[in-house]
Amino acid sequence: MSATFISNNTAIQELFKRVSEQFTAMFRRKAFLHWYVGKGMDEMEFTEAESKLNDLVSEYQQYQDATAEEEFEECVEEEEVA
């Protein structure tokens, strides 16, 4: 018997933030960059990937903020009814 659990939430953004911070620290020092450039990658590809990851984190943050705002509004409505 096997089971699968699927969840849709914004908690993954913390992992993305941590990866982004680690990447930025290593990229600033150009750590291991020579291996990738030697195989044909361009430094600009890394910059673009970092930008896309930061955009993804921002998008998740927007969804988290919107959800928190909706929950707050529901709570206020319930208090007004009571």
N, C-alpha and C. Protein backbone atom coordinates (compact mmCIF):
# COMPACT_ATOMS: atom_id res chain seq x y z
N MET A 1 0.84 -1.17 0.00
CA MET A 1 0.00 0.00 0.00
C MET A 1 0.89 1.24 0.00
N SER A 2 0.50 2.24 -0.75
CA SER A 2 1.25 3.48 -0.78
C SER A 2 0.30 4.66 -0.70
N ALA A 3 0.83 5.77 -0.29
CA ALA A 3 0.02 6.98 -0.15
C ALA A 3 0.83 8.16 -0.67
N THR A 4 0.10 9.12 -1.18
CA THR A 4 0.72 10.34 -1.68
C THR A 4 0.02 11.53 -1.05
N PHE A 5 0.80 12.47 -0.59
CA PHE A 5 0.24 13.69 -0.02
C PHE A 5 0.69 14.86 -0.87
N ILE A 6 -0.26 15.61 -1.35
CA ILE A 6 0.05 16.78 -2.16
C ILE A 6 -0.47 18.00 -1.43
N SER A 7 0.37 18.99 -1.32
CA SER A 7 -0.01 20.20 -0.62
C SER A 7 0.33 21.41 -1.49
N ASN A 8 -0.50 22.40 -1.43
CA ASN A 8 -0.26 23.61 -2.19
C ASN A 8 -0.21 24.78 -1.21
N ASN A 9 1.00 25.20 -0.88
CA ASN A 9 1.13 26.34 0.01
C ASN A 9 2.39 27.13 -0.36
N THR A 10 2.59 28.19 0.35
CA THR A 10 3.70 29.09 0.00
C THR A 10 4.94 28.86 0.85
N ALA A 11 4.98 27.79 1.61
CA ALA A 11 6.12 27.52 2.48
C ALA A 11 7.41 27.28 1.69
N ILE A 12 7.28 26.88 0.44
CA ILE A 12 8.46 26.59 -0.39
C ILE A 12 9.29 27.84 -0.62
N GLN A 13 8.68 29.01 -0.46
CA GLN A 13 9.44 30.24 -0.71
C GLN A 13 10.62 30.39 0.24
N GLU A 14 10.52 29.84 1.44
CA GLU A 14 11.65 29.90 2.38
C GLU A 14 12.84 29.13 1.83
N LEU A 15 12.58 27.98 1.23
CA LEU A 15 13.65 27.20 0.61
C LEU A 15 14.25 27.97 -0.55
N PHE A 16 13.40 28.56 -1.38
CA PHE A 16 13.89 29.34 -2.52
C PHE A 16 14.74 30.52 -2.05
N LYS A 17 14.32 31.18 -0.98
CA LYS A 17 15.10 32.30 -0.44
C LYS A 17 16.48 31.84 0.01
N ARG A 18 16.51 30.71 0.71
CA ARG A 18 17.78 30.19 1.21
C ARG A 18 18.71 29.81 0.05
N VAL A 19 18.15 29.16 -0.97
CA VAL A 19 18.95 28.80 -2.15
C VAL A 19 19.47 30.06 -2.83
N SER A 20 18.61 31.07 -2.94
CA SER A 20 19.01 32.32 -3.59
C SER A 20 20.14 33.00 -2.82
N GLU A 21 20.04 33.03 -1.50
CA GLU A 21 21.09 33.64 -0.69
C GLU A 21 22.42 32.90 -0.85
N GLN A 22 22.35 31.58 -0.83
CA GLN A 22 23.56 30.78 -1.00
C GLN A 22 24.16 30.97 -2.39
N PHE A 23 23.29 30.99 -3.40
CA PHE A 23 23.76 31.19 -4.76
C PHE A 23 24.44 32.55 -4.90
N THR A 24 23.79 33.59 -4.38
CA THR A 24 24.34 34.94 -4.48
C THR A 24 25.71 35.03 -3.83
N ALA A 25 25.85 34.42 -2.66
CA ALA A 25 27.14 34.46 -1.97
C ALA A 25 28.23 33.77 -2.79
N MET A 26 27.90 32.64 -3.39
CA MET A 26 28.89 31.91 -4.18
C MET A 26 29.16 32.60 -5.51
N PHE A 27 28.12 33.15 -6.11
CA PHE A 27 28.29 33.80 -7.41
C PHE A 27 29.13 35.07 -7.28
N ARG A 28 28.98 35.79 -6.18
CA ARG A 28 29.82 36.98 -5.95
C ARG A 28 31.29 36.62 -5.91
N ARG A 29 31.59 35.47 -5.32
CA ARG A 29 32.98 35.02 -5.25
C ARG A 29 33.40 34.29 -6.52
N LYS A 30 32.43 34.07 -7.42
CA LYS A 30 32.66 33.32 -8.66
C LYS A 30 33.15 31.90 -8.37
N ALA A 31 32.64 31.33 -7.27
CA ALA A 31 33.01 29.98 -6.88
C ALA A 31 32.45 28.97 -7.88
N PHE A 32 33.29 28.11 -8.35
CA PHE A 32 32.94 27.04 -9.30
C PHE A 32 32.49 27.55 -10.66
N LEU A 33 32.48 28.85 -10.87
CA LEU A 33 31.99 29.41 -12.12
C LEU A 33 32.83 28.96 -13.31
N HIS A 34 34.11 28.83 -13.10
CA HIS A 34 35.00 28.45 -14.21
C HIS A 34 34.62 27.09 -14.80
N TRP A 35 34.07 26.19 -13.99
CA TRP A 35 33.66 24.89 -14.51
C TRP A 35 32.51 25.03 -15.50
N TYR A 36 31.57 25.88 -15.19
CA TYR A 36 30.40 26.07 -16.05
C TYR A 36 30.75 26.87 -17.30
N VAL A 37 31.56 27.90 -17.13
CA VAL A 37 31.99 28.71 -18.28
C VAL A 37 32.82 27.85 -19.22
N GLY A 38 33.63 26.99 -18.67
CA GLY A 38 34.45 26.09 -19.48
C GLY A 38 33.63 25.12 -20.31
N LYS A 39 32.41 24.82 -19.85
CA LYS A 39 31.53 23.91 -20.59
C LYS A 39 30.57 24.65 -21.51
N GLY A 40 30.74 25.98 -21.61
CA GLY A 40 29.95 26.73 -22.58
C GLY A 40 28.88 27.64 -22.03
N MET A 41 28.70 27.69 -20.73
CA MET A 41 27.70 28.61 -20.17
C MET A 41 28.29 30.01 -20.08
N ASP A 42 27.40 30.98 -20.08
CA ASP A 42 27.80 32.38 -19.97
C ASP A 42 27.42 32.89 -18.59
N GLU A 43 28.18 33.82 -18.06
CA GLU A 43 27.87 34.39 -16.75
C GLU A 43 26.48 35.02 -16.73
N MET A 44 26.05 35.55 -17.86
CA MET A 44 24.74 36.19 -17.93
C MET A 44 23.62 35.18 -17.65
N GLU A 45 23.82 33.92 -18.01
CA GLU A 45 22.81 32.90 -17.74
C GLU A 45 22.60 32.74 -16.24
N PHE A 46 23.66 32.85 -15.47
CA PHE A 46 23.54 32.76 -14.02
C PHE A 46 22.80 33.97 -13.46
N THR A 47 23.09 35.13 -13.99
CA THR A 47 22.41 36.35 -13.56
C THR A 47 20.92 36.27 -13.86
N GLU A 48 20.58 35.77 -15.04
CA GLU A 48 19.17 35.62 -15.42
C GLU A 48 18.47 34.60 -14.52
N ALA A 49 19.14 33.50 -14.22
CA ALA A 49 18.55 32.48 -13.34
C ALA A 49 18.30 33.05 -11.95
N GLU A 50 19.24 33.84 -11.45
CA GLU A 50 19.07 34.46 -10.14
C GLU A 50 17.87 35.41 -10.15
N SER A 51 17.74 36.17 -11.21
CA SER A 51 16.63 37.10 -11.34
C SER A 51 15.29 36.36 -11.38
N LYS A 52 15.25 35.27 -12.12
CA LYS A 52 14.01 34.48 -12.20
C LYS A 52 13.65 33.87 -10.86
N LEU A 53 14.65 33.41 -10.12
CA LEU A 53 14.40 32.84 -8.80
C LEU A 53 13.87 33.91 -7.85
N ASN A 54 14.44 35.10 -7.91
CA ASN A 54 13.95 36.20 -7.06
C ASN A 54 12.53 36.60 -7.45
N ASP A 55 12.21 36.57 -8.74
CA ASP A 55 10.84 36.85 -9.18
C ASP A 55 9.87 35.80 -8.64
N LEU A 56 10.31 34.55 -8.64
CA LEU A 56 9.47 33.46 -8.13
C LEU A 56 9.20 33.65 -6.64
N VAL A 57 10.21 34.01 -5.89
CA VAL A 57 10.04 34.26 -4.45
C VAL A 57 9.06 35.42 -4.24
N SER A 58 9.18 36.46 -5.04
CA SER A 58 8.26 37.61 -4.93
C SER A 58 6.83 37.21 -5.23
N GLU A 59 6.67 36.36 -6.23
CA GLU A 59 5.32 35.91 -6.59
C GLU A 59 4.71 35.09 -5.46
N TYR A 60 5.48 34.19 -4.87
CA TYR A 60 4.99 33.42 -3.73
C TYR A 60 4.65 34.35 -2.57
N GLN A 61 5.45 35.38 -2.35
CA GLN A 61 5.19 36.32 -1.26
C GLN A 61 3.86 37.05 -1.49
N GLN A 62 3.57 37.40 -2.74
CA GLN A 62 2.31 38.06 -3.06
C GLN A 62 1.13 37.16 -2.72
N TYR A 63 1.24 35.87 -3.07
CA TYR A 63 0.16 34.93 -2.77
C TYR A 63 0.00 34.76 -1.27
N GLN A 64 1.11 34.71 -0.55
CA GLN A 64 1.04 34.56 0.89
C GLN A 64 0.39 35.79 1.52
N ASP A 65 0.77 36.97 1.06
CA ASP A 65 0.19 38.20 1.59
C ASP A 65 -1.30 38.27 1.29
N ALA A 66 -1.69 37.88 0.08
CA ALA A 66 -3.10 37.91 -0.30
C ALA A 66 -3.91 36.95 0.55
N THR A 67 -3.37 35.76 0.80
CA THR A 67 -4.06 34.78 1.63
C THR A 67 -4.20 35.28 3.06
N ALA A 68 -3.16 35.86 3.60
CA ALA A 68 -3.20 36.39 4.96
C ALA A 68 -4.22 37.52 5.05
N GLU A 69 -4.28 38.34 4.03
CA GLU A 69 -5.24 39.45 4.01
C GLU A 69 -6.67 38.93 3.97
N GLU A 70 -6.92 37.90 3.15
CA GLU A 70 -8.26 37.30 3.07
C GLU A 70 -8.67 36.70 4.40
N GLU A 71 -7.74 35.99 5.05
CA GLU A 71 -8.04 35.39 6.34
C GLU A 71 -8.35 36.46 7.38
N PHE A 72 -7.63 37.57 7.34
CA PHE A 72 -7.87 38.67 8.27
C PHE A 72 -9.25 39.26 8.04
N GLU A 73 -9.62 39.46 6.78
CA GLU A 73 -10.93 40.02 6.46
C GLU A 73 -12.04 39.09 6.91
N GLU A 74 -11.86 37.77 6.74
CA GLU A 74 -12.86 36.81 7.19
C GLU A 74 -13.01 36.86 8.70
N CYS A 75 -11.90 36.99 9.40
CA CYS A 75 -11.92 37.05 10.86
C CYS A 75 -12.65 38.30 11.33
N VAL A 76 -12.41 39.42 10.68
CA VAL A 76 -13.08 40.67 11.03
C VAL A 76 -14.57 40.56 10.78
N GLU A 77 -14.96 39.95 9.66
CA GLU A 77 -16.38 39.77 9.35
C GLU A 77 -17.07 38.90 10.39
N GLU A 78 -16.39 37.84 10.82
CA GLU A 78 -16.97 36.96 11.84
C GLU A 78 -17.15 37.70 13.15
N GLU A 79 -16.21 38.56 13.51
CA GLU A 79 -16.32 39.33 14.75
C GLU A 79 -17.46 40.34 14.67
N GLU A 80 -17.68 40.91 13.49
CA GLU A 80 -18.75 41.88 13.32
C GLU A 80 -20.11 41.21 13.44
N VAL A 81 -20.23 39.98 12.96
CA VAL A 81 -21.49 39.24 13.03
C VAL A 81 -21.79 38.84 14.47
N ALA A 82 -20.77 38.52 15.22
CA ALA A 82 -20.97 38.04 16.61
C ALA A 82 -21.27 39.14 17.57
